[in-house]
Amino acid sequence: HHYGERRSYGHALIADPWGTVVAQCGPGEGVAVAPIDPTFIETVRHAVPSLQHRRIR
């Protein structure tokens, strides 16, 4: 609860790395559940190697 200072809105969702919505909640309280495909995750990690872009100084 934010004690009248701000309002929060739901519409929780789960999106894959490309932004495709794979599961979402309806209005009101809910839980979104989606499967995880390890092969797809590995494919994305090779296509977008963002963790390799980190620099340690």
PDB file of N, CA and C in Angstrom:
ATOM      1  N   HIS A   1       0.849  -1.179   0.000  1.00  0.00           N
ATOM      2  CA  HIS A   1       0.000   0.000   0.000  1.00  0.00           C
ATOM      3  C   HIS A   1       0.885   1.229   0.000  1.00  0.00           C
ATOM      4  N   HIS A   2       0.496   2.229  -0.777  1.00  0.00           N
ATOM      5  CA  HIS A   2       1.315   3.430  -0.912  1.00  0.00           C
ATOM      6  C   HIS A   2       0.754   4.609  -0.139  1.00  0.00           C
ATOM      7  N   TYR A   3      -0.257   4.372   0.681  1.00  0.00           N
ATOM      8  CA  TYR A   3      -0.813   5.406   1.546  1.00  0.00           C
ATOM      9  C   TYR A   3      -1.210   6.661   0.781  1.00  0.00           C
ATOM     10  N   GLY A   4      -1.856   6.483  -0.361  1.00  0.00           N
ATOM     11  CA  GLY A   4      -2.381   7.598  -1.127  1.00  0.00           C
ATOM     12  C   GLY A   4      -1.363   8.374  -1.934  1.00  0.00           C
ATOM     13  N   GLU A   5      -0.112   7.993  -1.893  1.00  0.00           N
ATOM     14  CA  GLU A   5       0.926   8.738  -2.605  1.00  0.00           C
ATOM     15  C   GLU A   5       0.995   8.383  -4.087  1.00  0.00           C
ATOM     16  N   ARG A   6       0.747   7.149  -4.422  1.00  0.00           N
ATOM     17  CA  ARG A   6       0.765   6.742  -5.830  1.00  0.00           C
ATOM     18  C   ARG A   6      -0.152   5.546  -6.004  1.00  0.00           C
ATOM     19  N   ARG A   7      -0.453   5.271  -7.243  1.00  0.00           N
ATOM     20  CA  ARG A   7      -1.287   4.114  -7.563  1.00  0.00           C
ATOM     21  C   ARG A   7      -0.475   3.158  -8.421  1.00  0.00           C
ATOM     22  N   SER A   8      -0.667   1.900  -8.186  1.00  0.00           N
ATOM     23  CA  SER A   8       0.006   0.870  -8.973  1.00  0.00           C
ATOM     24  C   SER A   8      -1.038   0.102  -9.768  1.00  0.00           C
ATOM     25  N   TYR A   9      -0.688  -0.249 -10.967  1.00  0.00           N
ATOM     26  CA  TYR A   9      -1.593  -0.995 -11.828  1.00  0.00           C
ATOM     27  C   TYR A   9      -0.917  -2.287 -12.242  1.00  0.00           C
ATOM     28  N   GLY A  10      -1.689  -3.301 -12.404  1.00  0.00           N
ATOM     29  CA  GLY A  10      -1.173  -4.624 -12.727  1.00  0.00           C
ATOM     30  C   GLY A  10      -0.912  -4.826 -14.197  1.00  0.00           C
ATOM     31  N   HIS A  11      -1.587  -5.784 -14.760  1.00  0.00           N
ATOM     32  CA  HIS A  11      -1.374  -6.285 -16.112  1.00  0.00           C
ATOM     33  C   HIS A  11       0.022  -6.896 -16.224  1.00  0.00           C
ATOM     34  N   ALA A  12       0.303  -7.778 -15.272  1.00  0.00           N
ATOM     35  CA  ALA A  12       1.579  -8.483 -15.291  1.00  0.00           C
ATOM     36  C   ALA A  12       1.635  -9.400 -16.503  1.00  0.00           C
ATOM     37  N   LEU A  13       2.840  -9.536 -17.055  1.00  0.00           N
ATOM     38  CA  LEU A  13       3.012 -10.421 -18.200  1.00  0.00           C
ATOM     39  C   LEU A  13       4.411 -11.001 -18.208  1.00  0.00           C
ATOM     40  N   ILE A  14       4.582 -12.031 -19.000  1.00  0.00           N
ATOM     41  CA  ILE A  14       5.885 -12.643 -19.227  1.00  0.00           C
ATOM     42  C   ILE A  14       6.165 -12.522 -20.715  1.00  0.00           C
ATOM     43  N   ALA A  15       7.329 -11.963 -21.053  1.00  0.00           N
ATOM     44  CA  ALA A  15       7.720 -11.803 -22.454  1.00  0.00           C
ATOM     45  C   ALA A  15       9.015 -12.566 -22.700  1.00  0.00           C
ATOM     46  N   ASP A  16       9.155 -13.099 -23.899  1.00  0.00           N
ATOM     47  CA  ASP A  16      10.401 -13.778 -24.238  1.00  0.00           C
ATOM     48  C   ASP A  16      11.458 -12.720 -24.579  1.00  0.00           C
ATOM     49  N   PRO A  17      12.702 -13.120 -24.830  1.00  0.00           N
ATOM     50  CA  PRO A  17      13.756 -12.138 -25.099  1.00  0.00           C
ATOM     51  C   PRO A  17      13.506 -11.246 -26.314  1.00  0.00           C
ATOM     52  N   TRP A  18      12.614 -11.663 -27.210  1.00  0.00           N
ATOM     53  CA  TRP A  18      12.308 -10.853 -28.390  1.00  0.00           C
ATOM     54  C   TRP A  18      11.113  -9.942 -28.151  1.00  0.00           C
ATOM     55  N   GLY A  19      10.536  -9.994 -26.958  1.00  0.00           N
ATOM     56  CA  GLY A  19       9.412  -9.131 -26.628  1.00  0.00           C
ATOM     57  C   GLY A  19       8.044  -9.728 -26.897  1.00  0.00           C
ATOM     58  N   THR A  20       7.995 -10.960 -27.341  1.00  0.00           N
ATOM     59  CA  THR A  20       6.717 -11.627 -27.576  1.00  0.00           C
ATOM     60  C   THR A  20       6.103 -12.025 -26.239  1.00  0.00           C
ATOM     61  N   VAL A  21       4.862 -11.625 -26.014  1.00  0.00           N
ATOM     62  CA  VAL A  21       4.177 -11.968 -24.772  1.00  0.00           C
ATOM     63  C   VAL A  21       3.796 -13.445 -24.827  1.00  0.00           C
ATOM     64  N   VAL A  22       4.270 -14.211 -23.847  1.00  0.00           N
ATOM     65  CA  VAL A  22       3.981 -15.646 -23.820  1.00  0.00           C
ATOM     66  C   VAL A  22       2.957 -16.013 -22.752  1.00  0.00           C
ATOM     67  N   ALA A  23       2.710 -15.126 -21.798  1.00  0.00           N
ATOM     68  CA  ALA A  23       1.680 -15.338 -20.775  1.00  0.00           C
ATOM     69  C   ALA A  23       1.359 -13.990 -20.156  1.00  0.00           C
ATOM     70  N   GLN A  24       0.108 -13.830 -19.736  1.00  0.00           N
ATOM     71  CA  GLN A  24      -0.262 -12.582 -19.078  1.00  0.00           C
ATOM     72  C   GLN A  24      -1.438 -12.806 -18.150  1.00  0.00           C
ATOM     73  N   CYS A  25      -1.547 -11.921 -17.182  1.00  0.00           N
ATOM     74  CA  CYS A  25      -2.656 -11.980 -16.229  1.00  0.00           C
ATOM     75  C   CYS A  25      -3.807 -11.139 -16.751  1.00  0.00           C
ATOM     76  N   GLY A  26      -4.977 -11.515 -16.364  1.00  0.00           N
ATOM     77  CA  GLY A  26      -6.149 -10.715 -16.684  1.00  0.00           C
ATOM     78  C   GLY A  26      -6.284  -9.597 -15.671  1.00  0.00           C
ATOM     79  N   PRO A  27      -7.401  -8.896 -15.710  1.00  0.00           N
ATOM     80  CA  PRO A  27      -7.616  -7.840 -14.725  1.00  0.00           C
ATOM     81  C   PRO A  27      -7.775  -8.449 -13.330  1.00  0.00           C
ATOM     82  N   GLY A  28      -7.350  -7.734 -12.339  1.00  0.00           N
ATOM     83  CA  GLY A  28      -7.426  -8.239 -10.971  1.00  0.00           C
ATOM     84  C   GLY A  28      -6.181  -9.029 -10.608  1.00  0.00           C
ATOM     85  N   GLU A  29      -6.244  -9.684  -9.471  1.00  0.00           N
ATOM     86  CA  GLU A  29      -5.107 -10.466  -9.008  1.00  0.00           C
ATOM     87  C   GLU A  29      -4.943 -11.718  -9.854  1.00  0.00           C
ATOM     88  N   GLY A  30      -3.695 -12.145 -10.027  1.00  0.00           N
ATOM     89  CA  GLY A  30      -3.459 -13.344 -10.805  1.00  0.00           C
ATOM     90  C   GLY A  30      -2.000 -13.727 -10.807  1.00  0.00           C
ATOM     91  N   VAL A  31      -1.723 -14.839 -11.419  1.00  0.00           N
ATOM     92  CA  VAL A  31      -0.365 -15.350 -11.550  1.00  0.00           C
ATOM     93  C   VAL A  31      -0.151 -15.742 -13.006  1.00  0.00           C
ATOM     94  N   ALA A  32       0.944 -15.289 -13.586  1.00  0.00           N
ATOM     95  CA  ALA A  32       1.293 -15.667 -14.953  1.00  0.00           C
ATOM     96  C   ALA A  32       2.346 -16.771 -14.886  1.00  0.00           C
ATOM     97  N   VAL A  33       2.148 -17.809 -15.677  1.00  0.00           N
ATOM     98  CA  VAL A  33       3.071 -18.943 -15.714  1.00  0.00           C
ATOM     99  C   VAL A  33       3.393 -19.235 -17.173  1.00  0.00           C
ATOM    100  N   ALA A  34       4.668 -19.490 -17.452  1.00  0.00           N
ATOM    101  CA  ALA A  34       5.076 -19.820 -18.816  1.00  0.00           C
ATOM    102  C   ALA A  34       6.202 -20.843 -18.762  1.00  0.00           C
ATOM    103  N   PRO A  35       6.265 -21.717 -19.744  1.00  0.00           N
ATOM    104  CA  PRO A  35       7.356 -22.699 -19.777  1.00  0.00           C
ATOM    105  C   PRO A  35       8.673 -22.032 -20.169  1.00  0.00           C
ATOM    106  N   ILE A  36       9.767 -22.633 -19.758  1.00  0.00           N
ATOM    107  CA  ILE A  36      11.102 -22.170 -20.140  1.00  0.00           C
ATOM    108  C   ILE A  36      11.718 -23.247 -21.025  1.00  0.00           C
ATOM    109  N   ASP A  37      12.131 -22.848 -22.220  1.00  0.00           N
ATOM    110  CA  ASP A  37      12.750 -23.776 -23.166  1.00  0.00           C
ATOM    111  C   ASP A  37      14.263 -23.535 -23.154  1.00  0.00           C
ATOM    112  N   PRO A  38      15.042 -24.405 -22.521  1.00  0.00           N
ATOM    113  CA  PRO A  38      16.491 -24.196 -22.436  1.00  0.00           C
ATOM    114  C   PRO A  38      17.170 -24.066 -23.800  1.00  0.00           C
ATOM    115  N   THR A  39      16.680 -24.773 -24.805  1.00  0.00           N
ATOM    116  CA  THR A  39      17.260 -24.678 -26.142  1.00  0.00           C
ATOM    117  C   THR A  39      17.051 -23.289 -26.722  1.00  0.00           C
ATOM    118  N   PHE A  40      15.855 -22.728 -26.532  1.00  0.00           N
ATOM    119  CA  PHE A  40      15.566 -21.376 -27.015  1.00  0.00           C
ATOM    120  C   PHE A  40      16.445 -20.353 -26.298  1.00  0.00           C
ATOM    121  N   ILE A  41      16.603 -20.501 -24.994  1.00  0.00           N
ATOM    122  CA  ILE A  41      17.441 -19.579 -24.223  1.00  0.00           C
ATOM    123  C   ILE A  41      18.878 -19.614 -24.737  1.00  0.00           C
ATOM    124  N   GLU A  42      19.396 -20.793 -24.995  1.00  0.00           N
ATOM    125  CA  GLU A  42      20.762 -20.918 -25.507  1.00  0.00           C
ATOM    126  C   GLU A  42      20.886 -20.278 -26.891  1.00  0.00           C
ATOM    127  N   THR A  43      19.881 -20.448 -27.738  1.00  0.00           N
ATOM    128  CA  THR A  43      19.877 -19.821 -29.061  1.00  0.00           C
ATOM    129  C   THR A  43      19.931 -18.305 -28.939  1.00  0.00           C
ATOM    130  N   VAL A  44      19.146 -17.748 -28.035  1.00  0.00           N
ATOM    131  CA  VAL A  44      19.133 -16.293 -27.831  1.00  0.00           C
ATOM    132  C   VAL A  44      20.473 -15.817 -27.290  1.00  0.00           C
ATOM    133  N   ARG A  45      21.051 -16.559 -26.367  1.00  0.00           N
ATOM    134  CA  ARG A  45      22.350 -16.158 -25.800  1.00  0.00           C
ATOM    135  C   ARG A  45      23.436 -16.110 -26.864  1.00  0.00           C
ATOM    136  N   HIS A  46      23.368 -16.992 -27.849  1.00  0.00           N
ATOM    137  CA  HIS A  46      24.340 -16.950 -28.947  1.00  0.00           C
ATOM    138  C   HIS A  46      24.028 -15.820 -29.924  1.00  0.00           C
ATOM    139  N   ALA A  47      22.756 -15.546 -30.147  1.00  0.00           N
ATOM    140  CA  ALA A  47      22.359 -14.495 -31.091  1.00  0.00           C
ATOM    141  C   ALA A  47      22.602 -13.100 -30.524  1.00  0.00           C
ATOM    142  N   VAL A  48      22.436 -12.944 -29.204  1.00  0.00           N
ATOM    143  CA  VAL A  48      22.602 -11.643 -28.547  1.00  0.00           C
ATOM    144  C   VAL A  48      23.548 -11.843 -27.362  1.00  0.00           C
ATOM    145  N   PRO A  49      24.845 -11.805 -27.605  1.00  0.00           N
ATOM    146  CA  PRO A  49      25.803 -12.095 -26.532  1.00  0.00           C
ATOM    147  C   PRO A  49      26.060 -10.895 -25.615  1.00  0.00           C
ATOM    148  N   SER A  50      25.007 -10.346 -25.044  1.00  0.00           N
ATOM    149  CA  SER A  50      25.136  -9.119 -24.250  1.00  0.00           C
ATOM    150  C   SER A  50      26.025  -9.293 -23.021  1.00  0.00           C
ATOM    151  N   LEU A  51      26.070 -10.478 -22.439  1.00  0.00           N
ATOM    152  CA  LEU A  51      26.931 -10.667 -21.273  1.00  0.00           C
ATOM    153  C   LEU A  51      28.408 -10.574 -21.638  1.00  0.00           C
ATOM    154  N   GLN A  52      28.740 -10.802 -22.890  1.00  0.00           N
ATOM    155  CA  GLN A  52      30.129 -10.674 -23.326  1.00  0.00           C
ATOM    156  C   GLN A  52      30.524  -9.218 -23.538  1.00  0.00           C
ATOM    157  N   HIS A  53      29.570  -8.302 -23.508  1.00  0.00           N
ATOM    158  CA  HIS A  53      29.852  -6.885 -23.719  1.00  0.00           C
ATOM    159  C   HIS A  53      30.268  -6.181 -22.439  1.00  0.00           C
ATOM    160  N   ARG A  54      30.197  -6.879 -21.308  1.00  0.00           N
ATOM    161  CA  ARG A  54      30.577  -6.264 -20.038  1.00  0.00           C
ATOM    162  C   ARG A  54      32.076  -5.994 -20.020  1.00  0.00           C
ATOM    163  N   ARG A  55      32.442  -4.895 -19.390  1.00  0.00           N
ATOM    164  CA  ARG A  55      33.852  -4.556 -19.245  1.00  0.00           C
ATOM    165  C   ARG A  55      34.197  -4.511 -17.767  1.00  0.00           C
ATOM    166  N   ILE A  56      35.289  -5.116 -17.420  1.00  0.00           N
ATOM    167  CA  ILE A  56      35.783  -5.053 -16.051  1.00  0.00           C
ATOM    168  C   ILE A  56      37.011  -4.161 -16.074  1.00  0.00           C
ATOM    169  N   ARG A  57      36.950  -3.110 -15.291  1.00  0.00           N
ATOM    170  CA  ARG A  57      38.076  -2.158 -15.294  1.00  0.00           C
ATOM    171  C   ARG A  57      38.804  -2.201 -13.997  1.00  0.00           C
TER     172      ARG A  57
END
